Every structure is written in structure tokens, then in C-alpha cells.
Amino acid sequence: MNLLKGGIVFADAITTVSKTYAKRSRRPRRVRSGYRVGNAADDVHGIVNGVDYACWNPETDSHLRHHYNMDDLSGKRACREELLEKLD
């Protein structure tokens, strides 16, 4: 019995740590129990490690009231204080 195979076979989608790993994980391979688990699900997606800084840039993010960068963190401090006030 291979519980991992069962999870993959019945999953709606599978995510991996990167697009490259998503491709590699779809290759057929044998595991100890003898089942092929690589192509069990067609809906495999790679989620890139890290952050897309073009989208999540604290210098330009329109969702932030106060902007900041590595040289001037005062905007980060102001954002934090506003958040703490809202959570209080």
C-alpha cells in the first residue's frame, strides 16, 4: 500500500517548490513498493521559491500607505505601527 500514491492519484492539483521540480516529478519512476507515481496526476504546478519583487516591492506597492527601501526603513516602521493600532 502506498498512501502517497493514493494522495497524488486522487488530488485535484499538485504543487511543487519550482517549475523545474514540477517537470521532473512528472517523470515515471519506481518507488520502493513498485508503483509508478510520477505521472499519476496531470495537473502539476510549480510555485517559484521566493518573492516576485516586481509585484511585491515596498518602494512602489500601491497597497502600502508608507513606502520604504533598504536605505530608509521609516516607512516600514510607520506601516507596522498602523497595523498594530488596527489590531489593538
PDB file of N, CA and C in Angstrom:
ATOM      1  N   MET A   1       0.847  -1.166   0.000  1.00  0.00           N
ATOM      2  CA  MET A   1       0.000   0.000   0.000  1.00  0.00           C
ATOM      3  C   MET A   1       0.902   1.241   0.000  1.00  0.00           C
ATOM      4  N   ASN A   2       0.569   2.206  -0.834  1.00  0.00           N
ATOM      5  CA  ASN A   2       1.345   3.435  -0.935  1.00  0.00           C
ATOM      6  C   ASN A   2       0.392   4.612  -0.748  1.00  0.00           C
ATOM      7  N   LEU A   3       0.387   5.201   0.452  1.00  0.00           N
ATOM      8  CA  LEU A   3      -0.523   6.311   0.743  1.00  0.00           C
ATOM      9  C   LEU A   3      -0.194   7.545  -0.069  1.00  0.00           C
ATOM     10  N   LEU A   4       1.094   7.778  -0.349  1.00  0.00           N
ATOM     11  CA  LEU A   4       1.489   8.927  -1.163  1.00  0.00           C
ATOM     12  C   LEU A   4       0.894   8.812  -2.563  1.00  0.00           C
ATOM     13  N   LYS A   5       0.972   7.620  -3.153  1.00  0.00           N
ATOM     14  CA  LYS A   5       0.392   7.423  -4.481  1.00  0.00           C
ATOM     15  C   LYS A   5      -1.108   7.698  -4.444  1.00  0.00           C
ATOM     16  N   GLY A   6      -1.785   7.208  -3.428  1.00  0.00           N
ATOM     17  CA  GLY A   6      -3.223   7.445  -3.314  1.00  0.00           C
ATOM     18  C   GLY A   6      -3.547   8.924  -3.248  1.00  0.00           C
ATOM     19  N   GLY A   7      -2.747   9.676  -2.488  1.00  0.00           N
ATOM     20  CA  GLY A   7      -2.956  11.115  -2.390  1.00  0.00           C
ATOM     21  C   GLY A   7      -2.757  11.803  -3.720  1.00  0.00           C
ATOM     22  N   ILE A   8      -1.730  11.400  -4.466  1.00  0.00           N
ATOM     23  CA  ILE A   8      -1.451  12.008  -5.768  1.00  0.00           C
ATOM     24  C   ILE A   8      -2.526  11.643  -6.782  1.00  0.00           C
ATOM     25  N   VAL A   9      -2.923  10.388  -6.802  1.00  0.00           N
ATOM     26  CA  VAL A   9      -3.926   9.927  -7.779  1.00  0.00           C
ATOM     27  C   VAL A   9      -5.248  10.658  -7.594  1.00  0.00           C
ATOM     28  N   PHE A  10      -5.659  10.897  -6.359  1.00  0.00           N
ATOM     29  CA  PHE A  10      -6.967  11.498  -6.117  1.00  0.00           C
ATOM     30  C   PHE A  10      -6.923  13.008  -5.898  1.00  0.00           C
ATOM     31  N   ALA A  11      -5.754  13.626  -6.026  1.00  0.00           N
ATOM     32  CA  ALA A  11      -5.629  15.071  -5.842  1.00  0.00           C
ATOM     33  C   ALA A  11      -6.200  15.827  -7.037  1.00  0.00           C
ATOM     34  N   ASP A  12      -6.777  16.984  -6.774  1.00  0.00           N
ATOM     35  CA  ASP A  12      -7.251  17.852  -7.849  1.00  0.00           C
ATOM     36  C   ASP A  12      -6.086  18.567  -8.512  1.00  0.00           C
ATOM     37  N   ALA A  13      -5.061  18.884  -7.734  1.00  0.00           N
ATOM     38  CA  ALA A  13      -3.875  19.562  -8.241  1.00  0.00           C
ATOM     39  C   ALA A  13      -2.714  19.266  -7.293  1.00  0.00           C
ATOM     40  N   ILE A  14      -1.508  19.374  -7.827  1.00  0.00           N
ATOM     41  CA  ILE A  14      -0.306  19.146  -7.037  1.00  0.00           C
ATOM     42  C   ILE A  14       0.603  20.351  -7.228  1.00  0.00           C
ATOM     43  N   THR A  15       1.168  20.851  -6.131  1.00  0.00           N
ATOM     44  CA  THR A  15       2.120  21.952  -6.227  1.00  0.00           C
ATOM     45  C   THR A  15       3.492  21.452  -5.810  1.00  0.00           C
ATOM     46  N   THR A  16       4.505  22.030  -6.419  1.00  0.00           N
ATOM     47  CA  THR A  16       5.885  21.704  -6.063  1.00  0.00           C
ATOM     48  C   THR A  16       6.630  23.002  -5.770  1.00  0.00           C
ATOM     49  N   VAL A  17       7.897  22.880  -5.373  1.00  0.00           N
ATOM     50  CA  VAL A  17       8.658  24.061  -4.968  1.00  0.00           C
ATOM     51  C   VAL A  17       9.179  24.887  -6.134  1.00  0.00           C
ATOM     52  N   SER A  18       9.107  24.385  -7.351  1.00  0.00           N
ATOM     53  CA  SER A  18       9.568  25.150  -8.510  1.00  0.00           C
ATOM     54  C   SER A  18       8.998  24.549  -9.787  1.00  0.00           C
ATOM     55  N   LYS A  19       9.073  25.305 -10.871  1.00  0.00           N
ATOM     56  CA  LYS A  19       8.600  24.803 -12.164  1.00  0.00           C
ATOM     57  C   LYS A  19       9.461  23.640 -12.640  1.00  0.00           C
ATOM     58  N   THR A  20      10.774  23.715 -12.389  1.00  0.00           N
ATOM     59  CA  THR A  20      11.677  22.638 -12.791  1.00  0.00           C
ATOM     60  C   THR A  20      11.335  21.352 -12.056  1.00  0.00           C
ATOM     61  N   TYR A  21      11.099  21.442 -10.752  1.00  0.00           N
ATOM     62  CA  TYR A  21      10.759  20.255  -9.981  1.00  0.00           C
ATOM     63  C   TYR A  21       9.410  19.690 -10.422  1.00  0.00           C
ATOM     64  N   ALA A  22       8.486  20.555 -10.829  1.00  0.00           N
ATOM     65  CA  ALA A  22       7.197  20.075 -11.328  1.00  0.00           C
ATOM     66  C   ALA A  22       7.399  19.208 -12.559  1.00  0.00           C
ATOM     67  N   LYS A  23       8.293  19.636 -13.460  1.00  0.00           N
ATOM     68  CA  LYS A  23       8.574  18.839 -14.659  1.00  0.00           C
ATOM     69  C   LYS A  23       9.239  17.520 -14.283  1.00  0.00           C
ATOM     70  N   ARG A  24      10.231  17.598 -13.388  1.00  0.00           N
ATOM     71  CA  ARG A  24      10.951  16.378 -13.001  1.00  0.00           C
ATOM     72  C   ARG A  24      10.047  15.391 -12.287  1.00  0.00           C
ATOM     73  N   SER A  25       9.126  15.884 -11.465  1.00  0.00           N
ATOM     74  CA  SER A  25       8.288  14.984 -10.682  1.00  0.00           C
ATOM     75  C   SER A  25       7.269  14.251 -11.534  1.00  0.00           C
ATOM     76  N   ARG A  26       7.056  14.701 -12.765  1.00  0.00           N
ATOM     77  CA  ARG A  26       6.108  14.019 -13.654  1.00  0.00           C
ATOM     78  C   ARG A  26       6.742  12.848 -14.387  1.00  0.00           C
ATOM     79  N   ARG A  27       8.068  12.738 -14.329  1.00  0.00           N
ATOM     80  CA  ARG A  27       8.727  11.610 -14.981  1.00  0.00           C
ATOM     81  C   ARG A  27       8.361  10.321 -14.252  1.00  0.00           C
ATOM     82  N   PRO A  28       8.080   9.260 -15.012  1.00  0.00           N
ATOM     83  CA  PRO A  28       7.783   7.981 -14.341  1.00  0.00           C
ATOM     84  C   PRO A  28       9.007   7.501 -13.564  1.00  0.00           C
ATOM     85  N   ARG A  29       8.784   7.028 -12.374  1.00  0.00           N
ATOM     86  CA  ARG A  29       9.885   6.457 -11.606  1.00  0.00           C
ATOM     87  C   ARG A  29       9.324   5.380 -10.697  1.00  0.00           C
ATOM     88  N   ARG A  30      10.154   4.473 -10.349  1.00  0.00           N
ATOM     89  CA  ARG A  30       9.726   3.406  -9.444  1.00  0.00           C
ATOM     90  C   ARG A  30      10.067   3.790  -8.011  1.00  0.00           C
ATOM     91  N   VAL A  31       9.141   3.552  -7.143  1.00  0.00           N
ATOM     92  CA  VAL A  31       9.407   3.732  -5.720  1.00  0.00           C
ATOM     93  C   VAL A  31       9.553   2.356  -5.101  1.00  0.00           C
ATOM     94  N   ARG A  32       9.926   2.296  -3.856  1.00  0.00           N
ATOM     95  CA  ARG A  32      10.216   1.012  -3.230  1.00  0.00           C
ATOM     96  C   ARG A  32       9.104  -0.016  -3.386  1.00  0.00           C
ATOM     97  N   SER A  33       7.871   0.422  -3.322  1.00  0.00           N
ATOM     98  CA  SER A  33       6.757  -0.522  -3.403  1.00  0.00           C
ATOM     99  C   SER A  33       6.490  -0.976  -4.831  1.00  0.00           C
ATOM    100  N   GLY A  34       7.156  -0.356  -5.817  1.00  0.00           N
ATOM    101  CA  GLY A  34       6.995  -0.791  -7.200  1.00  0.00           C
ATOM    102  C   GLY A  34       5.957  -0.018  -7.983  1.00  0.00           C
ATOM    103  N   TYR A  35       5.258   0.925  -7.365  1.00  0.00           N
ATOM    104  CA  TYR A  35       4.251   1.703  -8.087  1.00  0.00           C
ATOM    105  C   TYR A  35       4.900   2.872  -8.793  1.00  0.00           C
ATOM    106  N   ARG A  36       4.332   3.251  -9.935  1.00  0.00           N
ATOM    107  CA  ARG A  36       4.793   4.456 -10.630  1.00  0.00           C
ATOM    108  C   ARG A  36       3.928   5.612 -10.137  1.00  0.00           C
ATOM    109  N   VAL A  37       4.577   6.624  -9.579  1.00  0.00           N
ATOM    110  CA  VAL A  37       3.807   7.759  -9.044  1.00  0.00           C
ATOM    111  C   VAL A  37       4.038   9.034  -9.839  1.00  0.00           C
ATOM    112  N   GLY A  38       5.002   9.055 -10.737  1.00  0.00           N
ATOM    113  CA  GLY A  38       5.386  10.285 -11.431  1.00  0.00           C
ATOM    114  C   GLY A  38       4.292  10.895 -12.279  1.00  0.00           C
ATOM    115  N   ASN A  39       3.572  10.119 -13.066  1.00  0.00           N
ATOM    116  CA  ASN A  39       2.550  10.661 -13.965  1.00  0.00           C
ATOM    117  C   ASN A  39       1.142  10.427 -13.446  1.00  0.00           C
ATOM    118  N   ALA A  40       0.985  10.196 -12.162  1.00  0.00           N
ATOM    119  CA  ALA A  40      -0.323   9.869 -11.624  1.00  0.00           C
ATOM    120  C   ALA A  40      -1.308  11.026 -11.759  1.00  0.00           C
ATOM    121  N   ALA A  41      -0.831  12.252 -11.725  1.00  0.00           N
ATOM    122  CA  ALA A  41      -1.725  13.413 -11.839  1.00  0.00           C
ATOM    123  C   ALA A  41      -1.210  14.333 -12.933  1.00  0.00           C
ATOM    124  N   ASP A  42      -2.109  14.782 -13.789  1.00  0.00           N
ATOM    125  CA  ASP A  42      -1.717  15.659 -14.898  1.00  0.00           C
ATOM    126  C   ASP A  42      -1.644  17.123 -14.491  1.00  0.00           C
ATOM    127  N   ASP A  43      -2.268  17.485 -13.403  1.00  0.00           N
ATOM    128  CA  ASP A  43      -2.366  18.882 -13.007  1.00  0.00           C
ATOM    129  C   ASP A  43      -1.289  19.226 -11.975  1.00  0.00           C
ATOM    130  N   VAL A  44      -0.027  19.305 -12.434  1.00  0.00           N
ATOM    131  CA  VAL A  44       1.107  19.598 -11.555  1.00  0.00           C
ATOM    132  C   VAL A  44       1.569  21.020 -11.834  1.00  0.00           C
ATOM    133  N   HIS A  45       1.700  21.822 -10.786  1.00  0.00           N
ATOM    134  CA  HIS A  45       2.110  23.214 -10.929  1.00  0.00           C
ATOM    135  C   HIS A  45       3.336  23.483 -10.074  1.00  0.00           C
ATOM    136  N   GLY A  46       4.272  24.240 -10.617  1.00  0.00           N
ATOM    137  CA  GLY A  46       5.435  24.659  -9.849  1.00  0.00           C
ATOM    138  C   GLY A  46       5.234  26.064  -9.330  1.00  0.00           C
ATOM    139  N   ILE A  47       5.462  26.254  -8.058  1.00  0.00           N
ATOM    140  CA  ILE A  47       5.398  27.576  -7.443  1.00  0.00           C
ATOM    141  C   ILE A  47       6.834  28.009  -7.206  1.00  0.00           C
ATOM    142  N   VAL A  48       7.213  29.112  -7.783  1.00  0.00           N
ATOM    143  CA  VAL A  48       8.590  29.566  -7.707  1.00  0.00           C
ATOM    144  C   VAL A  48       8.942  29.933  -6.270  1.00  0.00           C
ATOM    145  N   ASN A  49      10.109  29.470  -5.828  1.00  0.00           N
ATOM    146  CA  ASN A  49      10.589  29.825  -4.490  1.00  0.00           C
ATOM    147  C   ASN A  49      10.861  31.326  -4.430  1.00  0.00           C
ATOM    148  N   GLY A  50      10.553  31.923  -3.325  1.00  0.00           N
ATOM    149  CA  GLY A  50      10.861  33.333  -3.145  1.00  0.00           C
ATOM    150  C   GLY A  50       9.692  34.238  -3.478  1.00  0.00           C
ATOM    151  N   VAL A  51      10.013  35.498  -3.701  1.00  0.00           N
ATOM    152  CA  VAL A  51       9.014  36.538  -3.894  1.00  0.00           C
ATOM    153  C   VAL A  51       9.246  37.218  -5.239  1.00  0.00           C
ATOM    154  N   ASP A  52       8.178  37.573  -5.923  1.00  0.00           N
ATOM    155  CA  ASP A  52       8.272  38.344  -7.164  1.00  0.00           C
ATOM    156  C   ASP A  52       8.373  39.821  -6.772  1.00  0.00           C
ATOM    157  N   TYR A  53       9.602  40.346  -6.761  1.00  0.00           N
ATOM    158  CA  TYR A  53       9.824  41.711  -6.282  1.00  0.00           C
ATOM    159  C   TYR A  53       9.296  42.769  -7.238  1.00  0.00           C
ATOM    160  N   ALA A  54       9.000  42.412  -8.467  1.00  0.00           N
ATOM    161  CA  ALA A  54       8.364  43.374  -9.366  1.00  0.00           C
ATOM    162  C   ALA A  54       6.937  43.655  -8.900  1.00  0.00           C
ATOM    163  N   CYS A  55       6.314  42.637  -8.310  1.00  0.00           N
ATOM    164  CA  CYS A  55       4.936  42.767  -7.836  1.00  0.00           C
ATOM    165  C   CYS A  55       4.893  43.237  -6.378  1.00  0.00           C
ATOM    166  N   TRP A  56       5.746  42.672  -5.534  1.00  0.00           N
ATOM    167  CA  TRP A  56       5.744  42.954  -4.100  1.00  0.00           C
ATOM    168  C   TRP A  56       6.953  43.812  -3.733  1.00  0.00           C
ATOM    169  N   ASN A  57       6.948  45.036  -4.193  1.00  0.00           N
ATOM    170  CA  ASN A  57       8.058  45.951  -3.952  1.00  0.00           C
ATOM    171  C   ASN A  57       7.609  47.034  -2.974  1.00  0.00           C
ATOM    172  N   PRO A  58       8.189  47.110  -1.776  1.00  0.00           N
ATOM    173  CA  PRO A  58       7.732  48.092  -0.792  1.00  0.00           C
ATOM    174  C   PRO A  58       7.994  49.546  -1.198  1.00  0.00           C
ATOM    175  N   GLU A  59       8.812  49.753  -2.207  1.00  0.00           N
ATOM    176  CA  GLU A  59       9.049  51.127  -2.685  1.00  0.00           C
ATOM    177  C   GLU A  59       7.904  51.614  -3.572  1.00  0.00           C
ATOM    178  N   THR A  60       7.184  50.696  -4.223  1.00  0.00           N
ATOM    179  CA  THR A  60       6.157  51.082  -5.192  1.00  0.00           C
ATOM    180  C   THR A  60       4.789  50.459  -4.941  1.00  0.00           C
ATOM    181  N   ASP A  61       4.651  49.606  -3.948  1.00  0.00           N
ATOM    182  CA  ASP A  61       3.408  48.874  -3.704  1.00  0.00           C
ATOM    183  C   ASP A  61       2.266  49.838  -3.395  1.00  0.00           C
ATOM    184  N   SER A  62       1.237  49.813  -4.221  1.00  0.00           N
ATOM    185  CA  SER A  62       0.104  50.733  -4.040  1.00  0.00           C
ATOM    186  C   SER A  62      -0.752  50.371  -2.828  1.00  0.00           C
ATOM    187  N   HIS A  63      -0.579  49.187  -2.264  1.00  0.00           N
ATOM    188  CA  HIS A  63      -1.341  48.771  -1.092  1.00  0.00           C
ATOM    189  C   HIS A  63      -0.741  49.305   0.207  1.00  0.00           C
ATOM    190  N   LEU A  64       0.452  49.839   0.144  1.00  0.00           N
ATOM    191  CA  LEU A  64       1.101  50.374   1.346  1.00  0.00           C
ATOM    192  C   LEU A  64       0.897  51.881   1.438  1.00  0.00           C
ATOM    193  N   ARG A  65       0.580  52.364   2.623  1.00  0.00           N
ATOM    194  CA  ARG A  65       0.449  53.811   2.831  1.00  0.00           C
ATOM    195  C   ARG A  65       1.798  54.494   2.847  1.00  0.00           C
ATOM    196  N   HIS A  66       2.780  53.804   3.412  1.00  0.00           N
ATOM    197  CA  HIS A  66       4.122  54.355   3.562  1.00  0.00           C
ATOM    198  C   HIS A  66       5.102  53.437   2.833  1.00  0.00           C
ATOM    199  N   HIS A  67       5.910  54.009   1.982  1.00  0.00           N
ATOM    200  CA  HIS A  67       6.872  53.216   1.220  1.00  0.00           C
ATOM    201  C   HIS A  67       8.234  53.245   1.901  1.00  0.00           C
ATOM    202  N   TYR A  68       9.033  52.220   1.615  1.00  0.00           N
ATOM    203  CA  TYR A  68      10.356  52.151   2.226  1.00  0.00           C
ATOM    204  C   TYR A  68      11.300  51.345   1.338  1.00  0.00           C
ATOM    205  N   ASN A  69      12.586  51.442   1.659  1.00  0.00           N
ATOM    206  CA  ASN A  69      13.614  50.683   0.953  1.00  0.00           C
ATOM    207  C   ASN A  69      14.727  50.350   1.935  1.00  0.00           C
ATOM    208  N   MET A  70      15.778  49.722   1.451  1.00  0.00           N
ATOM    209  CA  MET A  70      16.876  49.298   2.328  1.00  0.00           C
ATOM    210  C   MET A  70      17.578  50.481   2.996  1.00  0.00           C
ATOM    211  N   ASP A  71      17.596  51.630   2.341  1.00  0.00           N
ATOM    212  CA  ASP A  71      18.289  52.797   2.891  1.00  0.00           C
ATOM    213  C   ASP A  71      17.443  53.581   3.887  1.00  0.00           C
ATOM    214  N   ASP A  72      16.122  53.480   3.763  1.00  0.00           N
ATOM    215  CA  ASP A  72      15.226  54.237   4.628  1.00  0.00           C
ATOM    216  C   ASP A  72      14.067  53.334   5.041  1.00  0.00           C
ATOM    217  N   LEU A  73      14.125  52.802   6.256  1.00  0.00           N
ATOM    218  CA  LEU A  73      13.097  51.882   6.746  1.00  0.00           C
ATOM    219  C   LEU A  73      12.013  52.578   7.560  1.00  0.00           C
ATOM    220  N   SER A  74      11.988  53.898   7.547  1.00  0.00           N
ATOM    221  CA  SER A  74      10.999  54.614   8.349  1.00  0.00           C
ATOM    222  C   SER A  74       9.568  54.298   7.890  1.00  0.00           C
ATOM    223  N   GLY A  75       9.370  54.096   6.598  1.00  0.00           N
ATOM    224  CA  GLY A  75       8.039  53.737   6.095  1.00  0.00           C
ATOM    225  C   GLY A  75       7.586  52.379   6.606  1.00  0.00           C
ATOM    226  N   LYS A  76       8.518  51.457   6.752  1.00  0.00           N
ATOM    227  CA  LYS A  76       8.191  50.137   7.290  1.00  0.00           C
ATOM    228  C   LYS A  76       7.739  50.261   8.738  1.00  0.00           C
ATOM    229  N   ARG A  77       8.440  51.072   9.484  1.00  0.00           N
ATOM    230  CA  ARG A  77       8.084  51.307  10.886  1.00  0.00           C
ATOM    231  C   ARG A  77       6.683  51.914  10.981  1.00  0.00           C
ATOM    232  N   ALA A  78       6.391  52.878  10.103  1.00  0.00           N
ATOM    233  CA  ALA A  78       5.064  53.522  10.109  1.00  0.00           C
ATOM    234  C   ALA A  78       3.967  52.521   9.748  1.00  0.00           C
ATOM    235  N   CYS A  79       4.224  51.667   8.770  1.00  0.00           N
ATOM    236  CA  CYS A  79       3.247  50.625   8.390  1.00  0.00           C
ATOM    237  C   CYS A  79       2.995  49.680   9.567  1.00  0.00           C
ATOM    238  N   ARG A  80       4.059  49.299  10.247  1.00  0.00           N
ATOM    239  CA  ARG A  80       3.941  48.386  11.387  1.00  0.00           C
ATOM    240  C   ARG A  80       3.109  49.021  12.494  1.00  0.00           C
ATOM    241  N   GLU A  81       3.377  50.274  12.800  1.00  0.00           N
ATOM    242  CA  GLU A  81       2.635  50.951  13.859  1.00  0.00           C
ATOM    243  C   GLU A  81       1.151  51.070  13.516  1.00  0.00           C
ATOM    244  N   GLU A  82       0.832  51.373  12.249  1.00  0.00           N
ATOM    245  CA  GLU A  82      -0.566  51.429  11.836  1.00  0.00           C
ATOM    246  C   GLU A  82      -1.240  50.078  11.980  1.00  0.00           C
ATOM    247  N   LEU A  83      -0.540  49.036  11.598  1.00  0.00           N
ATOM    248  CA  LEU A  83      -1.093  47.684  11.709  1.00  0.00           C
ATOM    249  C   LEU A  83      -1.343  47.334  13.166  1.00  0.00           C
ATOM    250  N   LEU A  84      -0.399  47.619  14.033  1.00  0.00           N
ATOM    251  CA  LEU A  84      -0.581  47.327  15.449  1.00  0.00           C
ATOM    252  C   LEU A  84      -1.757  48.098  16.049  1.00  0.00           C
ATOM    253  N   GLU A  85      -1.961  49.319  15.590  1.00  0.00           N
ATOM    254  CA  GLU A  85      -3.117  50.104  16.064  1.00  0.00           C
ATOM    255  C   GLU A  85      -4.431  49.448  15.641  1.00  0.00           C
ATOM    256  N   LYS A  86      -4.471  48.961  14.389  1.00  0.00           N
ATOM    257  CA  LYS A  86      -5.681  48.303  13.899  1.00  0.00           C
ATOM    258  C   LYS A  86      -5.963  47.006  14.644  1.00  0.00           C
ATOM    259  N   LEU A  87      -4.915  46.310  15.064  1.00  0.00           N
ATOM    260  CA  LEU A  87      -5.089  45.024  15.739  1.00  0.00           C
ATOM    261  C   LEU A  87      -5.341  45.171  17.234  1.00  0.00           C
ATOM    262  N   ASP A  88      -5.147  46.356  17.749  1.00  0.00           N
ATOM    263  CA  ASP A  88      -5.301  46.570  19.187  1.00  0.00           C
ATOM    264  C   ASP A  88      -6.733  46.582  19.608  1.00  0.00           C
TER     265      ASP A  88
END
